[in-house]
Amino acid sequence: MEFKGFTEDDFNVFTIQGLDERMEALIKTVRPKLEQLGEIFSAELSSLTGEEMFAHVAKHARRSVNPPKDTWVAFAGNKRGYKMLPHFQIGLWETHAFVWFAVIYESPIKDQYGTELAKNQKKIQSDIPQNYVWSADHTKPEVMVQKDLSPEDFDKLFERLQTVKKAELLCGLKIDRKDAVKMTGKEFTQTVEKAFKTLLPLYNLAHKAALSS
């Protein structure tokens, strides 16, 4: 089935009150689209990375009170899970869609990855476009736009990854809701494909860090 893109209804899921009510709407409206994107991009990312990549659609299964504020499909080189591995994500908050490459707090290679990033800082700043965004916490919607970051800001982000146990680092594309709903399914998938190709150098550095760990 062809991916048809995201609609206002998909973003409005996050305004529904109550865990059960929001989860019911999320499962009905958003999850089938994430599963579609999972099928499309697990093959695409396997080809890009040279490693078999598996899609993991967020289930939010551990939640008992608070309804999810965002949802996603993640891609990693392991069928059983993704959080410990460098991974890619496509997902939604109420305000925007996102495309990420991420190394989050469960990853055992953060120290080595931070070192690789620090060594390659100038190249990263030239490889990654100025409109791309960075985050140090995957649970918050706030991001830092690359054009606003100084070399010293990057130093701090990369050093934090090496020294702080709960540190995380994500880089990618933020697509405002108003822009996302105007996109056709094809336009959205083309945007994601381009973003993943742009983020590939960060994945390759993480892969190098894993080999050195």
C-alpha atoms as a PDB file:
ATOM      1  CA  MET A   1       0.000   0.000   0.000  1.00  0.00           C
ATOM      2  CA  GLU A   2       1.280   3.471  -0.911  1.00  0.00           C
ATOM      3  CA  PHE A   3       2.276   5.821   1.910  1.00  0.00           C
ATOM      4  CA  LYS A   4      -0.160   8.727   1.807  1.00  0.00           C
ATOM      5  CA  GLY A   5       1.579  11.180   4.135  1.00  0.00           C
ATOM      6  CA  PHE A   6       0.578  12.634   7.504  1.00  0.00           C
ATOM      7  CA  THR A   7      -2.622  14.597   8.215  1.00  0.00           C
ATOM      8  CA  GLU A   8      -3.900  16.950  10.904  1.00  0.00           C
ATOM      9  CA  ASP A   9      -5.661  13.940  12.474  1.00  0.00           C
ATOM     10  CA  ASP A  10      -2.311  12.212  12.988  1.00  0.00           C
ATOM     11  CA  PHE A  11      -0.875  15.192  14.879  1.00  0.00           C
ATOM     12  CA  ASN A  12      -4.131  15.753  16.794  1.00  0.00           C
ATOM     13  CA  VAL A  13      -3.768  12.304  18.403  1.00  0.00           C
ATOM     14  CA  PHE A  14      -1.453  13.968  20.935  1.00  0.00           C
ATOM     15  CA  THR A  15      -4.239  16.294  22.136  1.00  0.00           C
ATOM     16  CA  ILE A  16      -6.508  13.399  23.195  1.00  0.00           C
ATOM     17  CA  GLN A  17      -6.789  13.126  26.960  1.00  0.00           C
ATOM     18  CA  GLY A  18      -6.261   9.829  28.796  1.00  0.00           C
ATOM     19  CA  LEU A  19      -3.775   7.017  28.167  1.00  0.00           C
ATOM     20  CA  ASP A  20      -6.260   4.461  26.814  1.00  0.00           C
ATOM     21  CA  GLU A  21      -8.037   6.977  24.600  1.00  0.00           C
ATOM     22  CA  ARG A  22      -4.817   8.370  23.131  1.00  0.00           C
ATOM     23  CA  MET A  23      -3.333   4.914  22.601  1.00  0.00           C
ATOM     24  CA  GLU A  24      -6.490   3.736  20.832  1.00  0.00           C
ATOM     25  CA  ALA A  25      -6.338   6.682  18.413  1.00  0.00           C
ATOM     26  CA  LEU A  26      -2.593   6.318  17.949  1.00  0.00           C
ATOM     27  CA  ILE A  27      -2.901   2.612  17.101  1.00  0.00           C
ATOM     28  CA  LYS A  28      -5.734   3.311  14.673  1.00  0.00           C
ATOM     29  CA  THR A  29      -4.394   6.360  12.828  1.00  0.00           C
ATOM     30  CA  VAL A  30      -0.631   6.792  13.222  1.00  0.00           C
ATOM     31  CA  ARG A  31       0.780   3.306  13.794  1.00  0.00           C
ATOM     32  CA  PRO A  32      -0.232   1.865  10.374  1.00  0.00           C
ATOM     33  CA  LYS A  33       1.668   4.745   8.737  1.00  0.00           C
ATOM     34  CA  LEU A  34       4.747   4.118  10.887  1.00  0.00           C
ATOM     35  CA  GLU A  35       4.585   0.433   9.950  1.00  0.00           C
ATOM     36  CA  GLN A  36       4.492   1.419   6.279  1.00  0.00           C
ATOM     37  CA  LEU A  37       7.489   3.697   6.717  1.00  0.00           C
ATOM     38  CA  GLY A  38       9.191   0.846   8.571  1.00  0.00           C
ATOM     39  CA  GLU A  39       8.819  -1.423   5.557  1.00  0.00           C
ATOM     40  CA  ILE A  40       9.994   1.235   3.111  1.00  0.00           C
ATOM     41  CA  PHE A  41      13.032   2.402   5.049  1.00  0.00           C
ATOM     42  CA  SER A  42      14.294  -0.847   6.574  1.00  0.00           C
ATOM     43  CA  ALA A  43      15.141  -1.873   3.002  1.00  0.00           C
ATOM     44  CA  GLU A  44      16.432   1.602   2.104  1.00  0.00           C
ATOM     45  CA  LEU A  45      18.671   1.830   5.185  1.00  0.00           C
ATOM     46  CA  SER A  46      19.949  -1.732   4.728  1.00  0.00           C
ATOM     47  CA  SER A  47      21.123  -0.666   1.285  1.00  0.00           C
ATOM     48  CA  LEU A  48      22.605   2.632   2.543  1.00  0.00           C
ATOM     49  CA  THR A  49      24.482   1.200   5.525  1.00  0.00           C
ATOM     50  CA  GLY A  50      25.460  -2.197   4.111  1.00  0.00           C
ATOM     51  CA  GLU A  51      23.980  -3.784   7.238  1.00  0.00           C
ATOM     52  CA  GLU A  52      20.561  -5.426   7.562  1.00  0.00           C
ATOM     53  CA  MET A  53      18.330  -2.907   9.334  1.00  0.00           C
ATOM     54  CA  PHE A  54      15.137  -3.806  11.165  1.00  0.00           C
ATOM     55  CA  ALA A  55      12.134  -1.553  11.889  1.00  0.00           C
ATOM     56  CA  HIS A  56      10.861  -1.149  15.463  1.00  0.00           C
ATOM     57  CA  VAL A  57       7.533   0.685  15.838  1.00  0.00           C
ATOM     58  CA  ALA A  58       7.090   2.235  19.298  1.00  0.00           C
ATOM     59  CA  LYS A  59       4.539   0.277  21.346  1.00  0.00           C
ATOM     60  CA  HIS A  60       4.563   2.483  24.483  1.00  0.00           C
ATOM     61  CA  ALA A  61       3.859  -0.736  26.382  1.00  0.00           C
ATOM     62  CA  ARG A  62       5.405   0.321  29.707  1.00  0.00           C
ATOM     63  CA  ARG A  63       3.086   3.279  30.132  1.00  0.00           C
ATOM     64  CA  SER A  64       0.462   2.964  32.859  1.00  0.00           C
ATOM     65  CA  VAL A  65      -0.595   6.587  33.488  1.00  0.00           C
ATOM     66  CA  ASN A  66       0.826   9.238  31.168  1.00  0.00           C
ATOM     67  CA  PRO A  67      -0.180   9.110  27.501  1.00  0.00           C
ATOM     68  CA  PRO A  68       2.728   9.297  24.998  1.00  0.00           C
ATOM     69  CA  LYS A  69       3.672  12.783  23.790  1.00  0.00           C
ATOM     70  CA  ASP A  70       5.411  11.463  20.679  1.00  0.00           C
ATOM     71  CA  THR A  71       5.686   8.262  18.673  1.00  0.00           C
ATOM     72  CA  TRP A  72       8.109   6.824  16.126  1.00  0.00           C
ATOM     73  CA  VAL A  73       9.537   3.968  14.127  1.00  0.00           C
ATOM     74  CA  ALA A  74      13.228   3.254  14.762  1.00  0.00           C
ATOM     75  CA  PHE A  75      15.703   1.358  12.582  1.00  0.00           C
ATOM     76  CA  ALA A  76      18.697  -0.607  13.843  1.00  0.00           C
ATOM     77  CA  GLY A  77      20.826  -3.600  12.929  1.00  0.00           C
ATOM     78  CA  ASN A  78      19.165  -5.908  15.457  1.00  0.00           C
ATOM     79  CA  LYS A  79      15.799  -7.636  15.190  1.00  0.00           C
ATOM     80  CA  ARG A  80      15.179  -7.628  18.939  1.00  0.00           C
ATOM     81  CA  GLY A  81      15.786  -3.988  19.859  1.00  0.00           C
ATOM     82  CA  TYR A  82      17.344  -0.670  18.959  1.00  0.00           C
ATOM     83  CA  LYS A  83      17.944   1.443  22.089  1.00  0.00           C
ATOM     84  CA  MET A  84      21.455   0.143  22.784  1.00  0.00           C
ATOM     85  CA  LEU A  85      22.482   0.634  19.148  1.00  0.00           C
ATOM     86  CA  PRO A  86      23.106   3.643  16.925  1.00  0.00           C
ATOM     87  CA  HIS A  87      19.768   3.999  15.134  1.00  0.00           C
ATOM     88  CA  PHE A  88      17.588   6.069  12.822  1.00  0.00           C
ATOM     89  CA  GLN A  89      14.055   7.287  13.603  1.00  0.00           C
ATOM     90  CA  ILE A  90      10.999   8.771  11.901  1.00  0.00           C
ATOM     91  CA  GLY A  91       8.245  10.085  14.145  1.00  0.00           C
ATOM     92  CA  LEU A  92       5.797  12.722  15.325  1.00  0.00           C
ATOM     93  CA  TRP A  93       5.238  15.171  18.164  1.00  0.00           C
ATOM     94  CA  GLU A  94       2.065  17.265  18.191  1.00  0.00           C
ATOM     95  CA  THR A  95       4.036  20.182  16.704  1.00  0.00           C
ATOM     96  CA  HIS A  96       6.293  18.504  14.155  1.00  0.00           C
ATOM     97  CA  ALA A  97       7.567  15.395  12.415  1.00  0.00           C
ATOM     98  CA  PHE A  98      11.188  14.342  12.905  1.00  0.00           C
ATOM     99  CA  VAL A  99      13.888  12.333  11.188  1.00  0.00           C
ATOM    100  CA  TRP A 100      16.785  11.415  13.494  1.00  0.00           C
ATOM    101  CA  PHE A 101      20.054   9.612  13.724  1.00  0.00           C
ATOM    102  CA  ALA A 102      20.441   8.837  17.409  1.00  0.00           C
ATOM    103  CA  VAL A 103      22.771   7.440  20.037  1.00  0.00           C
ATOM    104  CA  ILE A 104      20.813   7.436  23.296  1.00  0.00           C
ATOM    105  CA  TYR A 105      21.638   6.771  26.944  1.00  0.00           C
ATOM    106  CA  GLU A 106      21.397   2.960  26.740  1.00  0.00           C
ATOM    107  CA  SER A 107      24.244   2.835  24.195  1.00  0.00           C
ATOM    108  CA  PRO A 108      27.510   1.307  25.493  1.00  0.00           C
ATOM    109  CA  ILE A 109      29.622   3.104  22.852  1.00  0.00           C
ATOM    110  CA  LYS A 110      28.810   6.722  23.789  1.00  0.00           C
ATOM    111  CA  ASP A 111      32.302   7.417  25.093  1.00  0.00           C
ATOM    112  CA  GLN A 112      34.000   6.149  21.930  1.00  0.00           C
ATOM    113  CA  TYR A 113      31.407   7.853  19.739  1.00  0.00           C
ATOM    114  CA  GLY A 114      31.955  11.190  21.486  1.00  0.00           C
ATOM    115  CA  THR A 115      35.682  10.813  20.822  1.00  0.00           C
ATOM    116  CA  GLU A 116      35.103  10.112  17.109  1.00  0.00           C
ATOM    117  CA  LEU A 117      32.764  13.093  16.811  1.00  0.00           C
ATOM    118  CA  ALA A 118      35.280  15.396  18.484  1.00  0.00           C
ATOM    119  CA  LYS A 119      38.026  14.233  16.096  1.00  0.00           C
ATOM    120  CA  ASN A 120      35.775  14.925  13.093  1.00  0.00           C
ATOM    121  CA  GLN A 121      34.078  18.086  14.289  1.00  0.00           C
ATOM    122  CA  LYS A 122      35.015  20.334  11.348  1.00  0.00           C
ATOM    123  CA  LYS A 123      33.928  17.729   8.804  1.00  0.00           C
ATOM    124  CA  ILE A 124      30.632  17.198  10.631  1.00  0.00           C
ATOM    125  CA  GLN A 125      29.942  20.932  10.607  1.00  0.00           C
ATOM    126  CA  SER A 126      30.511  21.028   6.850  1.00  0.00           C
ATOM    127  CA  ASP A 127      28.722  17.721   6.055  1.00  0.00           C
ATOM    128  CA  ILE A 128      25.549  18.479   8.008  1.00  0.00           C
ATOM    129  CA  PRO A 129      23.361  21.267   6.536  1.00  0.00           C
ATOM    130  CA  GLN A 130      22.775  24.455   8.522  1.00  0.00           C
ATOM    131  CA  ASN A 131      19.012  23.849   8.832  1.00  0.00           C
ATOM    132  CA  TYR A 132      19.510  20.443  10.499  1.00  0.00           C
ATOM    133  CA  VAL A 133      18.917  20.192  14.223  1.00  0.00           C
ATOM    134  CA  TRP A 134      20.619  18.581  17.219  1.00  0.00           C
ATOM    135  CA  SER A 135      19.253  17.314  20.521  1.00  0.00           C
ATOM    136  CA  ALA A 136      20.779  16.060  23.754  1.00  0.00           C
ATOM    137  CA  ASP A 137      17.536  14.479  25.022  1.00  0.00           C
ATOM    138  CA  HIS A 138      15.202  12.336  22.904  1.00  0.00           C
ATOM    139  CA  THR A 139      12.329  12.782  25.393  1.00  0.00           C
ATOM    140  CA  LYS A 140      12.024  16.545  24.776  1.00  0.00           C
ATOM    141  CA  PRO A 141      10.738  18.305  21.639  1.00  0.00           C
ATOM    142  CA  GLU A 142      13.184  21.231  21.900  1.00  0.00           C
ATOM    143  CA  VAL A 143      16.087  21.208  19.450  1.00  0.00           C
ATOM    144  CA  MET A 144      19.205  23.239  18.597  1.00  0.00           C
ATOM    145  CA  VAL A 145      19.549  24.420  14.988  1.00  0.00           C
ATOM    146  CA  GLN A 146      23.003  23.803  13.550  1.00  0.00           C
ATOM    147  CA  LYS A 147      23.401  27.358  12.218  1.00  0.00           C
ATOM    148  CA  ASP A 148      23.057  28.638  15.801  1.00  0.00           C
ATOM    149  CA  LEU A 149      25.771  26.364  17.227  1.00  0.00           C
ATOM    150  CA  SER A 150      29.376  27.491  17.663  1.00  0.00           C
ATOM    151  CA  PRO A 151      32.408  25.169  17.594  1.00  0.00           C
ATOM    152  CA  GLU A 152      32.414  25.492  21.404  1.00  0.00           C
ATOM    153  CA  ASP A 153      28.796  24.286  21.537  1.00  0.00           C
ATOM    154  CA  PHE A 154      29.786  21.197  19.572  1.00  0.00           C
ATOM    155  CA  ASP A 155      32.758  20.663  21.905  1.00  0.00           C
ATOM    156  CA  LYS A 156      30.361  20.620  24.857  1.00  0.00           C
ATOM    157  CA  LEU A 157      27.882  18.245  23.186  1.00  0.00           C
ATOM    158  CA  PHE A 158      30.606  15.784  22.211  1.00  0.00           C
ATOM    159  CA  GLU A 159      32.388  16.011  25.561  1.00  0.00           C
ATOM    160  CA  ARG A 160      29.116  15.441  27.416  1.00  0.00           C
ATOM    161  CA  LEU A 161      28.594  12.238  25.428  1.00  0.00           C
ATOM    162  CA  GLN A 162      31.962  10.997  26.695  1.00  0.00           C
ATOM    163  CA  THR A 163      31.543  11.959  30.347  1.00  0.00           C
ATOM    164  CA  VAL A 164      27.859  11.964  31.367  1.00  0.00           C
ATOM    165  CA  LYS A 165      26.219   8.598  31.944  1.00  0.00           C
ATOM    166  CA  LYS A 166      22.747   9.642  30.766  1.00  0.00           C
ATOM    167  CA  ALA A 167      24.008  11.751  27.825  1.00  0.00           C
ATOM    168  CA  GLU A 168      22.454  11.384  24.386  1.00  0.00           C
ATOM    169  CA  LEU A 169      23.034  12.867  20.957  1.00  0.00           C
ATOM    170  CA  LEU A 170      20.585  13.100  18.081  1.00  0.00           C
ATOM    171  CA  CYS A 171      20.913  14.875  14.746  1.00  0.00           C
ATOM    172  CA  GLY A 172      18.373  15.233  11.996  1.00  0.00           C
ATOM    173  CA  LEU A 173      15.525  17.102  10.455  1.00  0.00           C
ATOM    174  CA  LYS A 174      12.554  18.800  12.112  1.00  0.00           C
ATOM    175  CA  ILE A 175       9.536  19.241   9.809  1.00  0.00           C
ATOM    176  CA  ASP A 176       6.965  21.678  11.185  1.00  0.00           C
ATOM    177  CA  ARG A 177       3.462  20.254  11.337  1.00  0.00           C
ATOM    178  CA  LYS A 178       2.085  22.827   8.874  1.00  0.00           C
ATOM    179  CA  ASP A 179       4.711  21.761   6.312  1.00  0.00           C
ATOM    180  CA  ALA A 180       4.345  18.035   6.975  1.00  0.00           C
ATOM    181  CA  VAL A 181       0.585  17.991   6.346  1.00  0.00           C
ATOM    182  CA  LYS A 182       1.067  19.764   2.996  1.00  0.00           C
ATOM    183  CA  MET A 183       3.461  17.068   1.769  1.00  0.00           C
ATOM    184  CA  THR A 184       2.273  14.194  -0.376  1.00  0.00           C
ATOM    185  CA  GLY A 185       3.378  10.741   0.752  1.00  0.00           C
ATOM    186  CA  LYS A 186       5.999  10.752  -1.975  1.00  0.00           C
ATOM    187  CA  GLU A 187       7.341  14.169  -0.957  1.00  0.00           C
ATOM    188  CA  PHE A 188       7.604  13.047   2.662  1.00  0.00           C
ATOM    189  CA  THR A 189       9.443   9.795   1.852  1.00  0.00           C
ATOM    190  CA  GLN A 190      11.800  11.632  -0.512  1.00  0.00           C
ATOM    191  CA  THR A 191      12.570  14.132   2.268  1.00  0.00           C
ATOM    192  CA  VAL A 192      13.285  11.272   4.697  1.00  0.00           C
ATOM    193  CA  GLU A 193      15.452   9.451   2.179  1.00  0.00           C
ATOM    194  CA  LYS A 194      17.542  12.567   1.574  1.00  0.00           C
ATOM    195  CA  ALA A 195      17.878  13.123   5.339  1.00  0.00           C
ATOM    196  CA  PHE A 196      19.079   9.565   5.958  1.00  0.00           C
ATOM    197  CA  LYS A 197      21.701   9.940   3.218  1.00  0.00           C
ATOM    198  CA  THR A 198      22.819  13.229   4.810  1.00  0.00           C
ATOM    199  CA  LEU A 199      23.065  11.576   8.252  1.00  0.00           C
ATOM    200  CA  LEU A 200      25.005   8.551   7.009  1.00  0.00           C
ATOM    201  CA  PRO A 201      28.447  10.010   7.966  1.00  0.00           C
ATOM    202  CA  LEU A 202      27.265  10.133  11.609  1.00  0.00           C
ATOM    203  CA  TYR A 203      26.197   6.486  11.418  1.00  0.00           C
ATOM    204  CA  ASN A 204      29.558   5.556   9.903  1.00  0.00           C
ATOM    205  CA  LEU A 205      31.401   7.277  12.772  1.00  0.00           C
ATOM    206  CA  ALA A 206      29.223   5.395  15.280  1.00  0.00           C
ATOM    207  CA  HIS A 207      30.003   2.152  13.466  1.00  0.00           C
ATOM    208  CA  LYS A 208      33.721   2.972  13.708  1.00  0.00           C
ATOM    209  CA  ALA A 209      33.311   3.743  17.429  1.00  0.00           C
ATOM    210  CA  ALA A 210      31.595   0.377  17.961  1.00  0.00           C
ATOM    211  CA  LEU A 211      34.486  -1.456  16.290  1.00  0.00           C
ATOM    212  CA  SER A 212      36.995   0.330  18.524  1.00  0.00           C
ATOM    213  CA  SER A 213      35.091  -0.359  21.760  1.00  0.00           C
END
